[in-house]
Amino acid sequence: MPISVAVGMQWGDEGKGRAVDLLSENVEIVARFNGGDNAGHTVTVGDKIFKLHVIPSGIIHAHTIGVLGNGLVLYPGTLLQEIKTLQEAGIEISPKRLWISDAAHLITPAHRLLDQAQEAALGKSSIGTTGRGIGPAYMDKSSRRGLRTGELLQSEEFKKKVRQHFIDANEMLTVYYHQPAIDIQTMTEEFTALASQLAAYIKPVGTLVRAALKSGKNILAEAAQGTLLDLDQGTYPFVTSSCTTSAGIFSGLGIGIQPVERVIGITKAFQTRVGSGPFPTELFDATATFLRGSGSNPWDEFGTTTGRPRRVGWIDLVLLKYAIEVNGVTELFLTKMDILSGLETIKYCSAYQKDGKTICELDFSGSATEMERCLPVYQSTPGWKDDLRLIRKWSDLPNVVLDYIKIIEDFCGVPVTQVSVGSERNAVIKR
């Protein structure tokens, strides 16, 4: 079947928006199958910068249909604002071009308040969530009391469910977290009015995607966040609340298990992370400042969603190989290679010291507790002074850059097929 999956290899923020934009050139459907508006994808087209949190970035191509699968949790306010922003930029966003699964779940203002209250209660042990209600919405889904998008098509019944949701959330906020009470009546009226604006976009996405596959249409599935934030395979408990790996495409879109043509792993040429949790190769010196940038450029290492400065470090090949194997990656898309220009020496983690032993691959499944015991073992390779931003041919890349790429390929066992060397849409070198 003509399915490709684009998935992040790190803790998110790998540059998936740009990669998906380019990979969408030859597909009919671009689909998100997990997460919510805690993800942020940035695409630069000419002088326009699109920062998308929910809608698949591939929808910028006029020939594509954007799909939001049942694996997502959606905050109506964010989604409606995104629709408006794209429409104002001249991109057609209509029920014909954007499908929202009738089995996706809704995030409410109460979910956001609960998220923030939970993080505050954890104090120094906080996970570092975005506070956007993702976790509480998935908790309601798992406990079978969530609000599904399809239910808002029955307006009166939906309003009753929303009101009960706010009553239940109010009790949690006031009794358990000692937070101020919410105005149930006002919040119910406002939220139902807001959510109802999505009604025209709601469709039986699983049925439609299955039919598209049977007719031979090409589908690109876009994972939100990154593998190391996966609920099961990530650095638990410092993870998100959904499946962020390629395996999530089947349950998150409502399609059966079937062959996948390509799994494109997207990774930076170095390592970053937002929020709490272990980070073996993290840097705190002048090199960290160099890699992060000042924040004056959209390409600098500050969260698209949160604006928080990202933690930065050398590339961790042990974790990268783990992410490749977890996802069944067939090729790598290496981003931000241009950022390394100017460094005399580039380090990379090729093993860990753990309990007095050297390990070259993880002997555990993501556990933060286990990873805290891992110390990076570094190797070095010469850096380069060359400005890579205007290069567009693989053969024009300096030999030291090709050497660095070969180190990654040899360690991980999969080819690097594309490299980005700038923030512009065309600043990508295909092999």
Protein backbone atom coordinates (compact mmCIF):
# COMPACT_ATOMS: atom_id res chain seq x y z
CA MET A 1 0.00 0.00 0.00
CA PRO A 2 1.26 3.53 -0.79
CA ILE A 3 1.89 4.72 2.80
CA SER A 4 4.91 6.69 4.00
CA VAL A 5 5.52 7.81 7.57
CA ALA A 6 7.59 10.79 8.73
CA VAL A 7 8.61 10.44 12.37
CA GLY A 8 10.90 12.36 14.74
CA MET A 9 13.95 10.54 16.09
CA GLN A 10 14.60 12.72 19.13
CA TRP A 11 12.50 14.57 21.75
CA GLY A 12 10.55 16.46 19.08
CA ASP A 13 11.51 19.73 17.35
CA GLU A 14 13.56 17.87 14.72
CA GLY A 15 12.33 19.99 11.81
CA LYS A 16 9.48 17.67 10.81
CA GLY A 17 7.33 20.51 9.46
CA ARG A 18 9.84 21.33 6.74
CA ALA A 19 10.48 17.66 5.99
CA VAL A 20 6.77 16.87 5.70
CA ASP A 21 6.25 19.92 3.49
CA LEU A 22 8.85 18.59 1.04
CA LEU A 23 7.71 14.97 1.27
CA SER A 24 4.13 16.10 0.50
CA GLU A 25 4.98 17.13 -3.05
CA ASN A 26 3.93 13.74 -4.45
CA VAL A 27 1.14 12.60 -2.13
CA GLU A 28 -2.61 13.15 -2.12
CA ILE A 29 -3.25 12.89 1.62
CA VAL A 30 -1.19 14.19 4.55
CA ALA A 31 -2.34 12.90 7.92
CA ARG A 32 -1.67 13.49 11.60
CA PHE A 33 -2.36 10.47 13.79
CA ASN A 34 -1.34 11.47 17.33
CA GLY A 35 -0.91 14.28 19.82
CA GLY A 36 -2.46 17.71 20.00
CA ASP A 37 -1.47 21.36 19.86
CA ASN A 38 1.55 20.72 22.09
CA ALA A 39 3.37 19.95 18.83
CA GLY A 40 4.74 22.76 16.68
CA HIS A 41 5.86 22.52 13.05
CA THR A 42 7.42 25.50 11.25
CA VAL A 43 7.45 25.83 7.46
CA THR A 44 9.04 28.76 5.60
CA VAL A 45 7.65 29.49 2.13
CA GLY A 46 9.27 32.54 0.55
CA ASP A 47 8.84 35.36 3.04
CA LYS A 48 5.98 33.59 4.85
CA ILE A 49 6.54 31.56 8.00
CA PHE A 50 3.79 29.11 8.95
CA LYS A 51 3.78 27.82 12.53
CA LEU A 52 1.36 24.93 12.65
CA HIS A 53 0.36 23.07 15.79
CA VAL A 54 -2.43 20.76 14.62
CA ILE A 55 -3.03 20.88 10.87
CA PRO A 56 -0.53 18.77 8.86
CA SER A 57 2.11 21.04 7.35
CA GLY A 58 1.72 19.30 3.99
CA ILE A 59 -1.64 21.03 3.49
CA ILE A 60 0.28 24.07 2.23
CA HIS A 61 0.45 22.18 -1.08
CA ALA A 62 -2.78 22.93 -2.96
CA HIS A 63 -3.22 19.34 -4.20
CA THR A 64 -3.30 17.68 -0.77
CA ILE A 65 -6.03 16.77 1.69
CA GLY A 66 -5.16 17.24 5.36
CA VAL A 67 -6.40 14.60 7.79
CA LEU A 68 -6.65 14.75 11.59
CA GLY A 69 -7.03 11.18 12.78
CA ASN A 70 -8.82 9.65 15.73
CA GLY A 71 -5.54 9.43 17.66
CA LEU A 72 -5.50 13.20 18.19
CA VAL A 73 -6.88 15.39 20.95
CA LEU A 74 -8.01 18.78 19.65
CA TYR A 75 -8.49 22.17 21.29
CA PRO A 76 -11.11 23.94 19.11
CA GLY A 77 -9.73 27.43 19.70
CA THR A 78 -6.25 26.55 18.45
CA LEU A 79 -7.54 24.63 15.45
CA LEU A 80 -9.97 27.36 14.38
CA GLN A 81 -7.27 30.02 14.68
CA GLU A 82 -4.94 27.89 12.57
CA ILE A 83 -7.63 27.49 9.91
CA LYS A 84 -8.17 31.26 9.87
CA THR A 85 -4.44 32.03 9.65
CA LEU A 86 -3.95 29.70 6.68
CA GLN A 87 -7.05 31.05 4.93
CA GLU A 88 -5.81 34.62 5.36
CA ALA A 89 -2.50 33.54 3.79
CA GLY A 90 -4.40 32.43 0.68
CA ILE A 91 -4.43 28.68 1.39
CA GLU A 92 -7.75 26.96 0.84
CA ILE A 93 -8.92 25.32 4.05
CA SER A 94 -12.40 23.90 3.57
CA PRO A 95 -14.30 20.74 4.56
CA LYS A 96 -13.22 19.36 1.18
CA ARG A 97 -9.52 19.76 2.05
CA LEU A 98 -9.50 19.22 5.83
CA TRP A 99 -11.00 16.12 7.42
CA ILE A 100 -11.37 15.77 11.18
CA SER A 101 -12.09 12.29 12.51
CA ASP A 102 -15.40 11.85 14.26
CA ALA A 103 -13.52 9.72 16.82
CA ALA A 104 -10.88 12.32 17.77
CA HIS A 105 -11.23 13.73 21.29
CA LEU A 106 -11.71 17.34 22.34
CA ILE A 107 -9.58 19.33 24.77
CA THR A 108 -11.50 21.82 26.92
CA PRO A 109 -10.40 24.82 29.01
CA ALA A 110 -10.90 22.62 32.07
CA HIS A 111 -8.36 20.12 30.71
CA ARG A 112 -5.87 22.97 30.43
CA LEU A 113 -6.53 24.15 33.97
CA LEU A 114 -6.13 20.60 35.26
CA ASP A 115 -2.88 20.18 33.33
CA GLN A 116 -1.43 23.35 34.84
CA ALA A 117 -2.66 22.44 38.33
CA GLN A 118 -1.09 18.98 38.09
CA GLU A 119 2.25 20.39 37.01
CA ALA A 120 2.21 22.95 39.81
CA ALA A 121 1.42 20.25 42.37
CA LEU A 122 4.43 18.21 41.23
CA GLY A 123 6.79 21.09 42.00
CA LYS A 124 10.41 20.17 41.27
CA SER A 125 9.28 16.77 39.98
CA SER A 126 7.17 18.30 37.20
CA ILE A 127 7.22 16.67 33.77
CA GLY A 128 7.57 19.96 31.89
CA THR A 129 4.32 19.72 29.92
CA THR A 130 3.12 22.59 27.75
CA GLY A 131 0.07 23.02 30.01
CA ARG A 132 -2.25 22.66 27.02
CA GLY A 133 -4.47 19.94 28.45
CA ILE A 134 -3.09 17.07 26.40
CA GLY A 135 -2.54 14.65 29.30
CA PRO A 136 -5.90 15.25 31.01
CA ALA A 137 -7.73 14.86 27.67
CA TYR A 138 -6.06 11.51 27.04
CA MET A 139 -6.85 10.50 30.64
CA ASP A 140 -10.54 11.19 30.01
CA LYS A 141 -10.32 9.22 26.77
CA SER A 142 -8.79 6.21 28.53
CA SER A 143 -11.34 6.36 31.35
CA ARG A 144 -14.16 6.44 28.76
CA ARG A 145 -15.53 9.83 29.74
CA GLY A 146 -13.96 11.94 27.00
CA LEU A 147 -15.71 14.24 24.53
CA ARG A 148 -15.51 12.92 20.96
CA THR A 149 -15.76 15.28 18.00
CA GLY A 150 -18.56 13.26 16.42
CA GLU A 151 -20.76 13.94 19.45
CA LEU A 152 -20.95 17.66 18.75
CA LEU A 153 -23.09 16.86 15.70
CA GLN A 154 -25.88 16.10 18.20
CA SER A 155 -25.91 19.56 19.75
CA GLU A 156 -28.25 19.10 22.72
CA GLU A 157 -26.73 15.82 23.89
CA PHE A 158 -23.25 17.25 23.38
CA LYS A 159 -24.08 20.28 25.52
CA LYS A 160 -25.23 18.02 28.36
CA LYS A 161 -21.99 16.03 28.19
CA VAL A 162 -19.92 19.22 28.16
CA ARG A 163 -21.73 20.56 31.22
CA GLN A 164 -21.17 17.31 33.12
CA HIS A 165 -17.51 17.38 32.10
CA PHE A 166 -17.08 20.84 33.61
CA ILE A 167 -18.91 19.79 36.79
CA ASP A 168 -16.53 16.83 37.22
CA ALA A 169 -13.47 18.93 36.40
CA ASN A 170 -14.58 21.65 38.81
CA GLU A 171 -14.63 19.15 41.66
CA MET A 172 -11.10 18.03 40.85
CA LEU A 173 -9.83 21.59 40.59
CA THR A 174 -11.38 22.83 43.84
CA VAL A 175 -11.24 19.78 46.12
CA TYR A 176 -8.04 18.07 45.00
CA TYR A 177 -5.90 20.94 43.70
CA HIS A 178 -7.43 23.79 45.78
CA GLN A 179 -7.84 25.97 42.69
CA PRO A 180 -10.59 28.57 42.09
CA ALA A 181 -13.91 27.24 40.83
CA ILE A 182 -14.81 27.65 37.18
CA ASP A 183 -18.03 29.24 35.95
CA ILE A 184 -19.74 26.08 34.66
CA GLN A 185 -22.63 27.78 32.88
CA THR A 186 -20.49 30.35 31.05
CA MET A 187 -17.80 27.84 30.13
CA THR A 188 -20.38 25.36 28.84
CA GLU A 189 -22.02 27.97 26.60
CA GLU A 190 -18.71 29.31 25.28
CA PHE A 191 -17.12 25.92 24.62
CA THR A 192 -20.12 24.39 22.85
CA ALA A 193 -20.44 27.47 20.63
CA LEU A 194 -16.73 27.31 19.78
CA ALA A 195 -16.61 23.56 19.14
CA SER A 196 -19.71 23.67 16.92
CA GLN A 197 -17.73 25.69 14.36
CA LEU A 198 -15.81 22.50 13.54
CA ALA A 199 -18.94 20.51 12.63
CA ALA A 200 -18.56 20.86 8.85
CA TYR A 201 -15.07 19.31 8.94
CA ILE A 202 -16.00 16.18 10.89
CA LYS A 203 -16.00 12.98 8.84
CA PRO A 204 -15.64 9.19 9.22
CA VAL A 205 -11.91 9.50 8.58
CA GLY A 206 -11.12 5.82 8.99
CA THR A 207 -13.59 4.88 6.26
CA LEU A 208 -12.33 7.61 3.93
CA VAL A 209 -8.64 6.81 4.43
CA ARG A 210 -9.23 3.08 3.89
CA ALA A 211 -11.09 3.88 0.66
CA ALA A 212 -8.26 6.17 -0.46
CA LEU A 213 -5.72 3.40 0.09
CA LYS A 214 -7.82 0.90 -1.88
CA SER A 215 -7.96 3.35 -4.80
CA GLY A 216 -4.15 3.71 -4.77
CA LYS A 217 -3.84 7.20 -3.35
CA ASN A 218 -0.50 8.05 -1.74
CA ILE A 219 -0.64 8.90 1.97
CA LEU A 220 2.01 10.58 4.10
CA ALA A 221 1.46 10.14 7.82
CA GLU A 222 3.06 12.78 10.03
CA ALA A 223 3.94 11.92 13.62
CA ALA A 224 3.83 14.70 16.19
CA GLN A 225 6.64 15.18 18.74
CA GLY A 226 9.42 12.58 18.68
CA THR A 227 10.13 8.93 19.41
CA LEU A 228 11.82 9.66 22.73
CA LEU A 229 8.56 11.23 23.97
CA ASP A 230 6.51 8.14 23.17
CA LEU A 231 4.32 6.99 26.08
CA ASP A 232 5.77 3.47 25.95
CA GLN A 233 9.16 3.72 24.23
CA GLY A 234 10.21 7.20 25.40
CA THR A 235 12.05 8.42 28.50
CA TYR A 236 9.18 7.57 30.84
CA PRO A 237 7.73 9.36 32.81
CA PHE A 238 9.08 12.43 30.99
CA VAL A 239 7.00 11.68 27.92
CA THR A 240 3.83 12.79 26.18
CA SER A 241 0.47 10.98 26.38
CA SER A 242 0.26 9.41 22.93
CA CYS A 243 2.06 7.02 20.60
CA THR A 244 4.66 9.09 18.75
CA THR A 245 6.22 6.23 16.78
CA SER A 246 5.38 4.91 13.33
CA ALA A 247 3.31 2.11 14.90
CA GLY A 248 0.68 4.68 15.89
CA ILE A 249 -0.41 5.25 12.30
CA PHE A 250 -2.67 2.20 12.25
CA SER A 251 -4.68 2.86 15.40
CA GLY A 252 -4.42 6.65 15.03
CA LEU A 253 -5.96 6.72 11.55
CA GLY A 254 -8.27 3.71 11.86
CA ILE A 255 -6.61 1.54 9.23
CA GLY A 256 -5.55 -2.09 9.37
CA ILE A 257 -1.96 -3.27 9.59
CA GLN A 258 -0.49 -3.26 6.10
CA PRO A 259 2.83 -2.61 4.35
CA VAL A 260 4.40 0.81 4.72
CA GLU A 261 6.50 1.95 1.78
CA ARG A 262 8.89 4.30 3.61
CA VAL A 263 9.57 5.31 7.20
CA ILE A 264 11.55 8.54 7.14
CA GLY A 265 13.33 9.29 10.40
CA ILE A 266 13.89 12.99 10.92
CA THR A 267 16.74 14.04 13.19
CA LYS A 268 18.83 17.09 13.84
CA ALA A 269 22.58 17.02 13.32
CA PHE A 270 22.78 17.61 17.07
CA GLN A 271 20.44 16.92 20.00
CA THR A 272 17.76 19.10 21.65
CA ARG A 273 15.06 18.74 24.26
CA VAL A 274 12.35 20.94 25.81
CA GLY A 275 11.14 20.25 29.34
CA SER A 276 12.38 17.92 32.05
CA GLY A 277 13.94 14.49 31.76
CA PRO A 278 17.32 12.84 31.14
CA PHE A 279 19.56 14.15 28.38
CA PRO A 280 22.94 12.34 28.41
CA THR A 281 24.73 14.62 25.92
CA GLU A 282 23.40 17.96 27.21
CA LEU A 283 25.81 20.91 27.09
CA PHE A 284 25.93 23.98 29.31
CA ASP A 285 28.97 25.83 27.91
CA ALA A 286 29.65 28.22 25.05
CA THR A 287 28.97 25.43 22.54
CA ALA A 288 25.42 25.19 23.91
CA THR A 289 24.91 28.91 23.30
CA PHE A 290 26.35 28.52 19.81
CA LEU A 291 23.98 25.66 18.93
CA ARG A 292 20.91 27.30 20.48
CA GLY A 293 21.23 30.72 18.88
CA SER A 294 19.99 34.00 20.31
CA GLY A 295 16.28 33.52 19.67
CA SER A 296 16.14 36.35 17.14
CA ASN A 297 15.69 33.91 14.25
CA PRO A 298 12.70 31.52 13.92
CA TRP A 299 15.27 28.81 13.17
CA ASP A 300 16.91 29.23 16.60
CA GLU A 301 16.37 26.64 19.33
CA PHE A 302 13.30 28.02 21.05
CA GLY A 303 10.06 26.02 21.18
CA THR A 304 7.50 26.72 18.41
CA THR A 305 4.68 26.01 20.85
CA THR A 306 6.10 27.22 24.17
CA GLY A 307 8.81 29.72 23.23
CA ARG A 308 11.01 28.07 25.85
CA PRO A 309 14.75 27.84 25.11
CA ARG A 310 15.61 24.27 24.20
CA ARG A 311 18.23 22.25 25.99
CA VAL A 312 20.99 21.38 23.50
CA GLY A 313 23.83 18.90 23.18
CA TRP A 314 25.87 16.70 20.87
CA ILE A 315 24.10 14.09 18.76
CA ASP A 316 23.42 10.85 20.63
CA LEU A 317 23.89 7.96 18.21
CA VAL A 318 22.89 5.37 20.82
CA LEU A 319 19.47 6.98 21.14
CA LEU A 320 19.24 7.58 17.40
CA LYS A 321 19.84 3.90 16.64
CA TYR A 322 17.24 2.97 19.27
CA ALA A 323 14.68 5.29 17.64
CA ILE A 324 15.46 3.87 14.20
CA GLU A 325 14.85 0.31 15.39
CA VAL A 326 11.68 1.18 17.32
CA ASN A 327 10.19 2.77 14.19
CA GLY A 328 11.53 0.49 11.47
CA VAL A 329 13.15 3.50 9.79
CA THR A 330 14.27 3.01 6.18
CA GLU A 331 16.05 6.36 5.68
CA LEU A 332 17.15 9.46 7.58
CA PHE A 333 16.41 13.12 6.87
CA LEU A 334 19.16 15.10 8.63
CA THR A 335 18.24 18.69 9.56
CA LYS A 336 20.14 21.79 10.66
CA MET A 337 23.51 20.69 9.35
CA ASP A 338 24.32 24.36 8.67
CA ILE A 339 24.18 25.16 12.40
CA LEU A 340 27.37 23.13 12.99
CA SER A 341 29.39 25.34 10.64
CA GLY A 342 32.10 27.16 12.56
CA LEU A 343 32.90 24.47 15.11
CA GLU A 344 36.52 23.28 15.21
CA THR A 345 35.56 19.84 16.46
CA ILE A 346 32.25 18.00 16.53
CA LYS A 347 31.59 15.35 19.14
CA TYR A 348 29.10 12.50 19.00
CA CYS A 349 28.01 9.95 21.56
CA SER A 350 28.80 6.42 20.37
CA ALA A 351 28.30 4.51 23.65
CA TYR A 352 27.33 4.87 27.32
CA GLN A 353 29.10 4.03 30.54
CA LYS A 354 26.45 2.37 32.70
CA ASP A 355 27.18 0.63 36.00
CA GLY A 356 30.84 0.36 35.07
CA LYS A 357 30.14 -1.23 31.70
CA THR A 358 30.30 0.20 28.19
CA ILE A 359 27.09 -0.29 26.19
CA CYS A 360 26.60 0.64 22.54
CA GLU A 361 22.84 0.13 22.48
CA LEU A 362 20.06 0.51 25.03
CA ASP A 363 19.47 -2.48 27.27
CA PHE A 364 16.21 -0.98 28.53
CA SER A 365 13.10 0.60 26.97
CA GLY A 366 13.48 4.31 27.39
CA SER A 367 13.19 4.43 31.21
CA ALA A 368 14.27 7.80 32.57
CA THR A 369 15.55 6.15 35.75
CA GLU A 370 17.84 3.88 33.74
CA MET A 371 18.96 6.67 31.43
CA GLU A 372 19.98 8.87 34.36
CA ARG A 373 22.63 6.23 35.09
CA CYS A 374 24.13 6.54 31.59
CA LEU A 375 27.19 8.69 30.95
CA PRO A 376 28.04 9.47 27.32
CA VAL A 377 31.17 8.12 25.69
CA TYR A 378 32.26 10.61 23.04
CA GLN A 379 34.21 10.39 19.85
CA SER A 380 35.25 13.40 17.80
CA THR A 381 35.46 14.34 14.15
CA PRO A 382 36.84 17.55 12.54
CA GLY A 383 34.38 20.41 12.15
CA TRP A 384 34.18 22.84 9.26
CA LYS A 385 34.15 26.58 8.62
CA ASP A 386 32.27 26.37 5.32
CA ASP A 387 28.91 28.13 5.01
CA LEU A 388 26.58 25.37 3.81
CA ARG A 389 23.47 27.48 3.34
CA LEU A 390 23.80 28.02 -0.43
CA ILE A 391 24.80 24.47 -1.31
CA ARG A 392 22.16 22.48 -3.20
CA LYS A 393 24.12 19.50 -4.57
CA TRP A 394 25.30 16.51 -2.55
CA SER A 395 28.59 16.50 -4.46
CA ASP A 396 29.28 20.09 -3.37
CA LEU A 397 29.20 19.26 0.34
CA PRO A 398 32.68 19.48 1.92
CA ASN A 399 34.36 16.15 2.61
CA VAL A 400 34.31 16.78 6.37
CA VAL A 401 30.51 17.09 6.21
CA LEU A 402 30.24 13.87 4.20
CA ASP A 403 32.50 12.20 6.77
CA TYR A 404 30.12 13.25 9.57
CA ILE A 405 27.14 11.89 7.63
CA LYS A 406 28.98 8.59 7.04
CA ILE A 407 29.67 8.26 10.79
CA ILE A 408 25.92 8.51 11.43
CA GLU A 409 25.06 6.06 8.63
CA ASP A 410 27.66 3.50 9.65
CA PHE A 411 26.61 3.52 13.29
CA CYS A 412 22.86 3.45 12.63
CA GLY A 413 22.76 1.18 9.60
CA VAL A 414 20.42 3.29 7.44
CA PRO A 415 21.19 5.85 4.72
CA VAL A 416 20.88 9.61 5.02
CA THR A 417 18.92 10.61 1.92
CA GLN A 418 18.32 14.32 2.56
CA VAL A 419 20.07 17.08 4.48
CA SER A 420 18.74 20.55 5.29
CA VAL A 421 21.20 23.45 5.31
CA GLY A 422 18.98 26.45 6.08
CA SER A 423 15.52 27.62 7.03
CA GLU A 424 14.30 28.27 3.48
CA ARG A 425 11.97 25.78 1.87
CA ASN A 426 14.49 24.88 -0.86
CA ALA A 427 17.51 24.67 1.47
CA VAL A 428 17.55 20.89 1.28
CA ILE A 429 20.09 18.67 -0.45
CA LYS A 430 18.79 15.38 -1.85
CA ARG A 431 21.19 12.52 -2.31
